[in-house]
Amino acid sequence: MPMSAASWSMAASATLHCLTGCALGEILGMVVGTSVGLHNATTVLLSVALAFLFGYALTMRGVLRSGETFGRAARLALAADTLSIAVMEIVDNAVMVLIPGAMHAGPLSVLFWVALVLALGVAFVLTTPVNKWMIARGRGHAVVHGAHAHAGH
């Protein structure tokens, strides 16, 4: 497990990348689930599934652009993003569930959107140290950046 310098800036950048994919899936899942009246647990499961899907897809998009095969891009996305997305999803869904009325407020409510933005913000803050730890050990987004550097070789 190689150790390297991992700055907070690098970790924040990796977390922001993760947040982008997670937020797309999370928001879509929350909007759909609350709009159609799904049970909270079902809404959370939908949001988590979509967050992983969008998170992996976003990473794969960049890796595929660097010339990697689909299979290698998928493996790199799994290696780079799984822990980060998992932490982010645990945190942001816990915050959503813990804010009274947020899950039942629905997407036409200010409470819903304030809670969702707060949840994603807390998830960003708590996931950044996880990404810093992973990057310092050659894991997480360090794996993807290594693939970009070695693409075509």
N, C-alpha and C. Protein backbone atom coordinates (compact mmCIF):
# COMPACT_ATOMS: atom_id res chain seq x y z
N MET A 1 0.85 -1.17 0.00
CA MET A 1 0.00 0.00 0.00
C MET A 1 0.90 1.23 0.00
N PRO A 2 1.15 1.86 -1.18
CA PRO A 2 2.05 2.99 -1.24
C PRO A 2 1.45 4.22 -0.55
N MET A 3 2.32 4.91 0.20
CA MET A 3 1.90 6.12 0.88
C MET A 3 2.41 7.31 0.07
N SER A 4 1.56 8.31 -0.12
CA SER A 4 1.97 9.51 -0.83
C SER A 4 1.33 10.71 -0.14
N ALA A 5 1.83 11.87 -0.50
CA ALA A 5 1.26 13.10 0.05
C ALA A 5 -0.14 13.30 -0.52
N ALA A 6 -1.04 13.62 0.35
CA ALA A 6 -2.41 13.90 -0.09
C ALA A 6 -2.83 15.20 0.57
N SER A 7 -3.00 16.22 -0.23
CA SER A 7 -3.39 17.51 0.31
C SER A 7 -4.89 17.56 0.55
N TRP A 8 -5.30 18.48 1.41
CA TRP A 8 -6.73 18.68 1.64
C TRP A 8 -7.40 19.17 0.36
N SER A 9 -6.67 19.94 -0.44
CA SER A 9 -7.21 20.42 -1.71
C SER A 9 -7.50 19.25 -2.66
N MET A 10 -6.56 18.32 -2.72
CA MET A 10 -6.73 17.13 -3.56
C MET A 10 -7.92 16.30 -3.06
N ALA A 11 -8.02 16.15 -1.75
CA ALA A 11 -9.12 15.39 -1.17
C ALA A 11 -10.46 16.07 -1.42
N ALA A 12 -10.47 17.40 -1.29
CA ALA A 12 -11.71 18.14 -1.54
C ALA A 12 -12.13 18.02 -3.00
N SER A 13 -11.16 18.06 -3.90
CA SER A 13 -11.46 17.91 -5.32
C SER A 13 -12.04 16.53 -5.61
N ALA A 14 -11.46 15.49 -5.04
CA ALA A 14 -11.98 14.12 -5.22
C ALA A 14 -13.38 14.01 -4.63
N THR A 15 -13.59 14.64 -3.48
CA THR A 15 -14.90 14.58 -2.83
C THR A 15 -15.93 15.35 -3.62
N LEU A 16 -15.54 16.47 -4.19
CA LEU A 16 -16.46 17.24 -5.03
C LEU A 16 -16.87 16.43 -6.25
N HIS A 17 -15.92 15.70 -6.82
CA HIS A 17 -16.22 14.83 -7.96
C HIS A 17 -17.24 13.77 -7.53
N CYS A 18 -16.98 13.16 -6.39
CA CYS A 18 -17.89 12.15 -5.85
C CYS A 18 -19.26 12.76 -5.56
N LEU A 19 -19.26 13.95 -4.97
CA LEU A 19 -20.51 14.62 -4.62
C LEU A 19 -21.35 14.90 -5.86
N THR A 20 -20.71 15.22 -6.97
CA THR A 20 -21.44 15.51 -8.20
C THR A 20 -22.28 14.32 -8.63
N GLY A 21 -21.65 13.16 -8.73
CA GLY A 21 -22.39 11.96 -9.11
C GLY A 21 -23.41 11.56 -8.07
N CYS A 22 -23.00 11.61 -6.80
CA CYS A 22 -23.92 11.25 -5.71
C CYS A 22 -25.13 12.18 -5.69
N ALA A 23 -24.88 13.46 -5.82
CA ALA A 23 -25.98 14.43 -5.76
C ALA A 23 -26.97 14.22 -6.88
N LEU A 24 -26.48 13.93 -8.07
CA LEU A 24 -27.40 13.67 -9.19
C LEU A 24 -28.33 12.51 -8.86
N GLY A 25 -27.76 11.41 -8.40
CA GLY A 25 -28.56 10.24 -8.05
C GLY A 25 -29.42 10.47 -6.82
N GLU A 26 -28.84 11.10 -5.83
CA GLU A 26 -29.56 11.35 -4.57
C GLU A 26 -30.77 12.25 -4.81
N ILE A 27 -30.56 13.33 -5.53
CA ILE A 27 -31.66 14.27 -5.79
C ILE A 27 -32.74 13.59 -6.62
N LEU A 28 -32.35 12.89 -7.67
CA LEU A 28 -33.34 12.20 -8.50
C LEU A 28 -34.13 11.19 -7.67
N GLY A 29 -33.43 10.39 -6.87
CA GLY A 29 -34.10 9.39 -6.04
C GLY A 29 -35.03 10.01 -5.02
N MET A 30 -34.60 11.08 -4.37
CA MET A 30 -35.43 11.76 -3.37
C MET A 30 -36.66 12.40 -4.01
N VAL A 31 -36.45 13.05 -5.14
CA VAL A 31 -37.57 13.70 -5.83
C VAL A 31 -38.60 12.66 -6.28
N VAL A 32 -38.13 11.61 -6.92
CA VAL A 32 -39.04 10.57 -7.40
C VAL A 32 -39.74 9.88 -6.22
N GLY A 33 -38.95 9.45 -5.24
CA GLY A 33 -39.51 8.72 -4.11
C GLY A 33 -40.53 9.52 -3.32
N THR A 34 -40.21 10.79 -3.04
CA THR A 34 -41.15 11.59 -2.26
C THR A 34 -42.34 12.03 -3.10
N SER A 35 -42.13 12.23 -4.39
CA SER A 35 -43.23 12.66 -5.27
C SER A 35 -44.30 11.61 -5.44
N VAL A 36 -43.88 10.35 -5.51
CA VAL A 36 -44.86 9.28 -5.72
C VAL A 36 -45.27 8.62 -4.41
N GLY A 37 -44.77 9.15 -3.29
CA GLY A 37 -45.20 8.66 -1.99
C GLY A 37 -44.61 7.33 -1.57
N LEU A 38 -43.40 7.04 -2.03
CA LEU A 38 -42.75 5.80 -1.60
C LEU A 38 -42.44 5.87 -0.11
N HIS A 39 -42.36 4.73 0.53
CA HIS A 39 -41.95 4.63 1.93
C HIS A 39 -40.54 5.24 2.05
N ASN A 40 -40.22 5.81 3.20
CA ASN A 40 -38.89 6.42 3.39
C ASN A 40 -37.76 5.45 3.06
N ALA A 41 -37.88 4.21 3.52
CA ALA A 41 -36.81 3.23 3.27
C ALA A 41 -36.65 2.97 1.78
N THR A 42 -37.75 2.90 1.06
CA THR A 42 -37.68 2.66 -0.39
C THR A 42 -37.08 3.87 -1.09
N THR A 43 -37.44 5.06 -0.65
CA THR A 43 -36.88 6.29 -1.22
C THR A 43 -35.38 6.34 -1.00
N VAL A 44 -34.95 5.99 0.20
CA VAL A 44 -33.51 5.98 0.51
C VAL A 44 -32.80 4.94 -0.36
N LEU A 45 -33.35 3.75 -0.49
CA LEU A 45 -32.74 2.72 -1.33
C LEU A 45 -32.63 3.17 -2.79
N LEU A 46 -33.69 3.79 -3.29
CA LEU A 46 -33.66 4.31 -4.66
C LEU A 46 -32.58 5.38 -4.81
N SER A 47 -32.51 6.28 -3.84
CA SER A 47 -31.51 7.34 -3.88
C SER A 47 -30.09 6.79 -3.84
N VAL A 48 -29.86 5.82 -2.98
CA VAL A 48 -28.53 5.22 -2.86
C VAL A 48 -28.15 4.50 -4.16
N ALA A 49 -29.07 3.72 -4.70
CA ALA A 49 -28.79 3.00 -5.95
C ALA A 49 -28.46 3.98 -7.08
N LEU A 50 -29.24 5.04 -7.19
CA LEU A 50 -28.98 6.03 -8.24
C LEU A 50 -27.69 6.80 -7.99
N ALA A 51 -27.36 7.07 -6.73
CA ALA A 51 -26.11 7.76 -6.41
C ALA A 51 -24.91 6.92 -6.83
N PHE A 52 -24.95 5.62 -6.54
CA PHE A 52 -23.86 4.75 -6.98
C PHE A 52 -23.80 4.70 -8.51
N LEU A 53 -24.95 4.56 -9.15
CA LEU A 53 -24.99 4.51 -10.61
C LEU A 53 -24.39 5.77 -11.24
N PHE A 54 -24.86 6.93 -10.80
CA PHE A 54 -24.35 8.18 -11.36
C PHE A 54 -22.89 8.41 -10.97
N GLY A 55 -22.52 8.07 -9.74
CA GLY A 55 -21.13 8.24 -9.30
C GLY A 55 -20.18 7.41 -10.14
N TYR A 56 -20.49 6.14 -10.30
CA TYR A 56 -19.64 5.27 -11.11
C TYR A 56 -19.62 5.73 -12.57
N ALA A 57 -20.77 6.11 -13.09
CA ALA A 57 -20.85 6.53 -14.49
C ALA A 57 -20.00 7.77 -14.74
N LEU A 58 -20.02 8.70 -13.81
CA LEU A 58 -19.23 9.92 -13.97
C LEU A 58 -17.74 9.61 -14.00
N THR A 59 -17.30 8.74 -13.11
CA THR A 59 -15.89 8.34 -13.11
C THR A 59 -15.54 7.58 -14.38
N MET A 60 -16.40 6.65 -14.77
CA MET A 60 -16.14 5.86 -15.97
C MET A 60 -16.06 6.73 -17.21
N ARG A 61 -16.88 7.75 -17.26
CA ARG A 61 -16.87 8.67 -18.42
C ARG A 61 -15.47 9.25 -18.63
N GLY A 62 -14.87 9.74 -17.56
CA GLY A 62 -13.52 10.30 -17.68
C GLY A 62 -12.48 9.26 -18.02
N VAL A 63 -12.59 8.09 -17.43
CA VAL A 63 -11.62 7.02 -17.68
C VAL A 63 -11.75 6.51 -19.12
N LEU A 64 -12.97 6.38 -19.60
CA LEU A 64 -13.18 5.95 -20.98
C LEU A 64 -12.61 6.96 -21.97
N ARG A 65 -12.73 8.24 -21.64
CA ARG A 65 -12.16 9.29 -22.50
C ARG A 65 -10.66 9.19 -22.59
N SER A 66 -10.01 8.63 -21.56
CA SER A 66 -8.56 8.50 -21.58
C SER A 66 -8.11 7.30 -22.40
N GLY A 67 -9.08 6.52 -22.92
CA GLY A 67 -8.74 5.42 -23.80
C GLY A 67 -8.82 4.04 -23.18
N GLU A 68 -9.25 3.96 -21.94
CA GLU A 68 -9.36 2.65 -21.28
C GLU A 68 -10.56 1.88 -21.83
N THR A 69 -10.53 0.56 -21.69
CA THR A 69 -11.65 -0.27 -22.11
C THR A 69 -12.79 -0.12 -21.09
N PHE A 70 -13.98 -0.52 -21.49
CA PHE A 70 -15.14 -0.44 -20.60
C PHE A 70 -14.91 -1.25 -19.32
N GLY A 71 -14.40 -2.46 -19.47
CA GLY A 71 -14.16 -3.32 -18.31
C GLY A 71 -13.16 -2.71 -17.34
N ARG A 72 -12.08 -2.19 -17.86
CA ARG A 72 -11.06 -1.54 -17.00
C ARG A 72 -11.65 -0.28 -16.37
N ALA A 73 -12.41 0.48 -17.12
CA ALA A 73 -13.03 1.69 -16.58
C ALA A 73 -13.99 1.34 -15.43
N ALA A 74 -14.74 0.27 -15.60
CA ALA A 74 -15.67 -0.16 -14.55
C ALA A 74 -14.90 -0.58 -13.30
N ARG A 75 -13.82 -1.34 -13.48
CA ARG A 75 -13.02 -1.77 -12.32
C ARG A 75 -12.39 -0.57 -11.61
N LEU A 76 -11.90 0.38 -12.38
CA LEU A 76 -11.30 1.58 -11.78
C LEU A 76 -12.34 2.40 -11.02
N ALA A 77 -13.53 2.53 -11.60
CA ALA A 77 -14.59 3.28 -10.92
C ALA A 77 -14.97 2.60 -9.61
N LEU A 78 -15.09 1.29 -9.62
CA LEU A 78 -15.41 0.55 -8.38
C LEU A 78 -14.32 0.78 -7.34
N ALA A 79 -13.07 0.69 -7.75
CA ALA A 79 -11.95 0.86 -6.82
C ALA A 79 -11.86 2.29 -6.31
N ALA A 80 -12.11 3.25 -7.18
CA ALA A 80 -11.94 4.65 -6.81
C ALA A 80 -13.09 5.19 -5.98
N ASP A 81 -14.30 4.74 -6.25
CA ASP A 81 -15.46 5.44 -5.71
C ASP A 81 -16.27 4.72 -4.64
N THR A 82 -16.13 3.43 -4.51
CA THR A 82 -17.04 2.68 -3.64
C THR A 82 -17.06 3.20 -2.20
N LEU A 83 -15.92 3.32 -1.57
CA LEU A 83 -15.91 3.76 -0.17
C LEU A 83 -16.41 5.20 -0.05
N SER A 84 -15.96 6.06 -0.95
CA SER A 84 -16.37 7.47 -0.91
C SER A 84 -17.88 7.61 -1.07
N ILE A 85 -18.45 6.92 -2.05
CA ILE A 85 -19.90 7.00 -2.27
C ILE A 85 -20.64 6.40 -1.07
N ALA A 86 -20.14 5.29 -0.56
CA ALA A 86 -20.81 4.66 0.58
C ALA A 86 -20.87 5.59 1.79
N VAL A 87 -19.75 6.22 2.11
CA VAL A 87 -19.72 7.16 3.24
C VAL A 87 -20.66 8.32 2.97
N MET A 88 -20.57 8.87 1.77
CA MET A 88 -21.41 10.01 1.42
C MET A 88 -22.89 9.65 1.52
N GLU A 89 -23.26 8.48 1.06
CA GLU A 89 -24.67 8.07 1.09
C GLU A 89 -25.16 7.78 2.50
N ILE A 90 -24.34 7.17 3.31
CA ILE A 90 -24.73 6.93 4.70
C ILE A 90 -25.00 8.26 5.40
N VAL A 91 -24.08 9.19 5.23
CA VAL A 91 -24.21 10.48 5.91
C VAL A 91 -25.39 11.27 5.37
N ASP A 92 -25.48 11.44 4.05
CA ASP A 92 -26.54 12.34 3.57
C ASP A 92 -27.94 11.76 3.78
N ASN A 93 -28.08 10.45 3.68
CA ASN A 93 -29.40 9.86 3.94
C ASN A 93 -29.74 9.90 5.43
N ALA A 94 -28.75 9.72 6.29
CA ALA A 94 -29.00 9.82 7.73
C ALA A 94 -29.47 11.23 8.09
N VAL A 95 -28.83 12.23 7.52
CA VAL A 95 -29.23 13.61 7.78
C VAL A 95 -30.66 13.85 7.29
N MET A 96 -30.96 13.39 6.09
CA MET A 96 -32.32 13.57 5.55
C MET A 96 -33.37 12.93 6.45
N VAL A 97 -33.09 11.72 6.90
CA VAL A 97 -34.05 10.99 7.73
C VAL A 97 -34.18 11.65 9.11
N LEU A 98 -33.09 12.20 9.62
CA LEU A 98 -33.10 12.79 10.96
C LEU A 98 -33.74 14.18 11.03
N ILE A 99 -33.84 14.87 9.91
CA ILE A 99 -34.47 16.20 9.92
C ILE A 99 -35.98 15.99 9.91
N PRO A 100 -36.64 16.40 10.99
CA PRO A 100 -38.09 16.16 11.10
C PRO A 100 -38.88 16.71 9.91
N GLY A 101 -39.64 15.83 9.28
CA GLY A 101 -40.52 16.21 8.19
C GLY A 101 -39.89 16.32 6.82
N ALA A 102 -38.56 16.24 6.73
CA ALA A 102 -37.89 16.45 5.44
C ALA A 102 -38.29 15.41 4.40
N MET A 103 -38.38 14.16 4.81
CA MET A 103 -38.71 13.10 3.85
C MET A 103 -40.17 13.16 3.41
N HIS A 104 -41.00 13.76 4.20
CA HIS A 104 -42.42 13.85 3.84
C HIS A 104 -42.78 15.19 3.23
N ALA A 105 -41.86 16.13 3.23
CA ALA A 105 -42.15 17.47 2.75
C ALA A 105 -42.38 17.50 1.24
N GLY A 106 -41.66 16.70 0.50
CA GLY A 106 -41.82 16.65 -0.95
C GLY A 106 -41.05 17.75 -1.65
N PRO A 107 -40.79 17.55 -2.94
CA PRO A 107 -39.92 18.45 -3.70
C PRO A 107 -40.50 19.84 -3.96
N LEU A 108 -41.73 20.10 -3.60
CA LEU A 108 -42.29 21.45 -3.75
C LEU A 108 -42.11 22.27 -2.47
N SER A 109 -41.45 21.68 -1.49
CA SER A 109 -41.27 22.30 -0.18
C SER A 109 -39.86 22.87 -0.01
N VAL A 110 -39.78 24.03 0.61
CA VAL A 110 -38.48 24.61 0.94
C VAL A 110 -37.75 23.70 1.93
N LEU A 111 -38.46 23.13 2.89
CA LEU A 111 -37.85 22.22 3.87
C LEU A 111 -37.12 21.08 3.18
N PHE A 112 -37.74 20.48 2.19
CA PHE A 112 -37.14 19.37 1.45
C PHE A 112 -35.78 19.79 0.88
N TRP A 113 -35.74 20.92 0.18
CA TRP A 113 -34.53 21.36 -0.50
C TRP A 113 -33.46 21.84 0.48
N VAL A 114 -33.85 22.53 1.53
CA VAL A 114 -32.88 22.96 2.54
C VAL A 114 -32.27 21.74 3.21
N ALA A 115 -33.11 20.76 3.55
CA ALA A 115 -32.61 19.53 4.18
C ALA A 115 -31.67 18.78 3.24
N LEU A 116 -32.02 18.70 1.97
CA LEU A 116 -31.19 17.98 1.01
C LEU A 116 -29.85 18.67 0.80
N VAL A 117 -29.86 19.99 0.69
CA VAL A 117 -28.60 20.73 0.55
C VAL A 117 -27.75 20.57 1.81
N LEU A 118 -28.38 20.67 2.98
CA LEU A 118 -27.65 20.47 4.23
C LEU A 118 -27.07 19.07 4.30
N ALA A 119 -27.87 18.07 3.94
CA ALA A 119 -27.42 16.68 3.98
C ALA A 119 -26.22 16.46 3.07
N LEU A 120 -26.26 16.99 1.87
CA LEU A 120 -25.14 16.83 0.94
C LEU A 120 -23.92 17.61 1.43
N GLY A 121 -24.13 18.77 2.03
CA GLY A 121 -23.01 19.54 2.58
C GLY A 121 -22.32 18.82 3.73
N VAL A 122 -23.10 18.26 4.64
CA VAL A 122 -22.53 17.49 5.75
C VAL A 122 -21.79 16.27 5.20
N ALA A 123 -22.37 15.62 4.21
CA ALA A 123 -21.73 14.45 3.59
C ALA A 123 -20.39 14.84 2.96
N PHE A 124 -20.33 15.99 2.30
CA PHE A 124 -19.08 16.46 1.71
C PHE A 124 -18.01 16.65 2.79
N VAL A 125 -18.38 17.32 3.86
CA VAL A 125 -17.43 17.61 4.94
C VAL A 125 -16.91 16.32 5.58
N LEU A 126 -17.79 15.36 5.81
CA LEU A 126 -17.37 14.12 6.48
C LEU A 126 -16.71 13.11 5.54
N THR A 127 -16.90 13.26 4.24
CA THR A 127 -16.28 12.34 3.29
C THR A 127 -14.90 12.82 2.85
N THR A 128 -14.64 14.10 2.93
CA THR A 128 -13.33 14.63 2.51
C THR A 128 -12.16 13.97 3.26
N PRO A 129 -12.22 13.81 4.59
CA PRO A 129 -11.10 13.12 5.26
C PRO A 129 -10.94 11.66 4.82
N VAL A 130 -12.04 11.02 4.47
CA VAL A 130 -11.98 9.64 3.97
C VAL A 130 -11.21 9.62 2.65
N ASN A 131 -11.52 10.56 1.77
CA ASN A 131 -10.81 10.61 0.49
C ASN A 131 -9.34 10.97 0.68
N LYS A 132 -9.04 11.87 1.62
CA LYS A 132 -7.64 12.22 1.89
C LYS A 132 -6.88 10.97 2.35
N TRP A 133 -7.49 10.21 3.24
CA TRP A 133 -6.87 8.99 3.75
C TRP A 133 -6.63 7.99 2.61
N MET A 134 -7.63 7.83 1.72
CA MET A 134 -7.49 6.87 0.61
C MET A 134 -6.42 7.32 -0.38
N ILE A 135 -6.43 8.60 -0.75
CA ILE A 135 -5.45 9.11 -1.72
C ILE A 135 -4.04 8.95 -1.17
N ALA A 136 -3.85 9.21 0.12
CA ALA A 136 -2.52 9.07 0.73
C ALA A 136 -2.01 7.63 0.64
N ARG A 137 -2.92 6.69 0.50
CA ARG A 137 -2.54 5.28 0.42
C ARG A 137 -2.61 4.73 -1.01
N GLY A 138 -2.71 5.63 -1.98
CA GLY A 138 -2.75 5.20 -3.37
C GLY A 138 -4.08 4.60 -3.78
N ARG A 139 -5.12 4.89 -3.02
CA ARG A 139 -6.45 4.36 -3.29
C ARG A 139 -7.38 5.49 -3.70
N GLY A 140 -8.65 5.15 -3.89
CA GLY A 140 -9.64 6.17 -4.24
C GLY A 140 -9.31 6.83 -5.56
N HIS A 141 -9.41 8.14 -5.59
CA HIS A 141 -9.18 8.84 -6.86
C HIS A 141 -7.74 8.81 -7.31
N ALA A 142 -6.81 8.44 -6.44
CA ALA A 142 -5.42 8.26 -6.86
C ALA A 142 -5.34 7.15 -7.91
N VAL A 143 -6.20 6.14 -7.80
CA VAL A 143 -6.24 5.04 -8.76
C VAL A 143 -6.66 5.56 -10.13
N VAL A 144 -7.67 6.41 -10.16
CA VAL A 144 -8.15 6.97 -11.44
C VAL A 144 -7.10 7.87 -12.05
N HIS A 145 -6.47 8.71 -11.23
CA HIS A 145 -5.45 9.60 -11.77
C HIS A 145 -4.25 8.82 -12.28
N GLY A 146 -3.94 7.71 -11.65
CA GLY A 146 -2.88 6.83 -12.14
C GLY A 146 -3.25 6.23 -13.49
N ALA A 147 -4.51 5.89 -13.69
CA ALA A 147 -4.96 5.33 -14.97
C ALA A 147 -4.87 6.38 -16.06
N HIS A 148 -5.23 7.63 -15.73
CA HIS A 148 -5.13 8.70 -16.72
C HIS A 148 -3.68 8.89 -17.15
N ALA A 149 -2.77 8.83 -16.19
CA ALA A 149 -1.35 9.02 -16.47
C ALA A 149 -0.78 7.89 -17.33
N HIS A 150 -1.32 6.68 -17.16
CA HIS A 150 -0.78 5.51 -17.88
C HIS A 150 -1.63 5.09 -19.07
N ALA A 151 -2.64 5.85 -19.40
CA ALA A 151 -3.53 5.47 -20.51
C ALA A 151 -2.73 5.37 -21.81
N GLY A 152 -3.02 4.31 -22.52
CA GLY A 152 -2.37 4.11 -23.81
C GLY A 152 -1.01 3.44 -23.72
N HIS A 153 -0.52 3.15 -22.51
CA HIS A 153 0.79 2.50 -22.35
C HIS A 153 0.64 1.03 -22.15
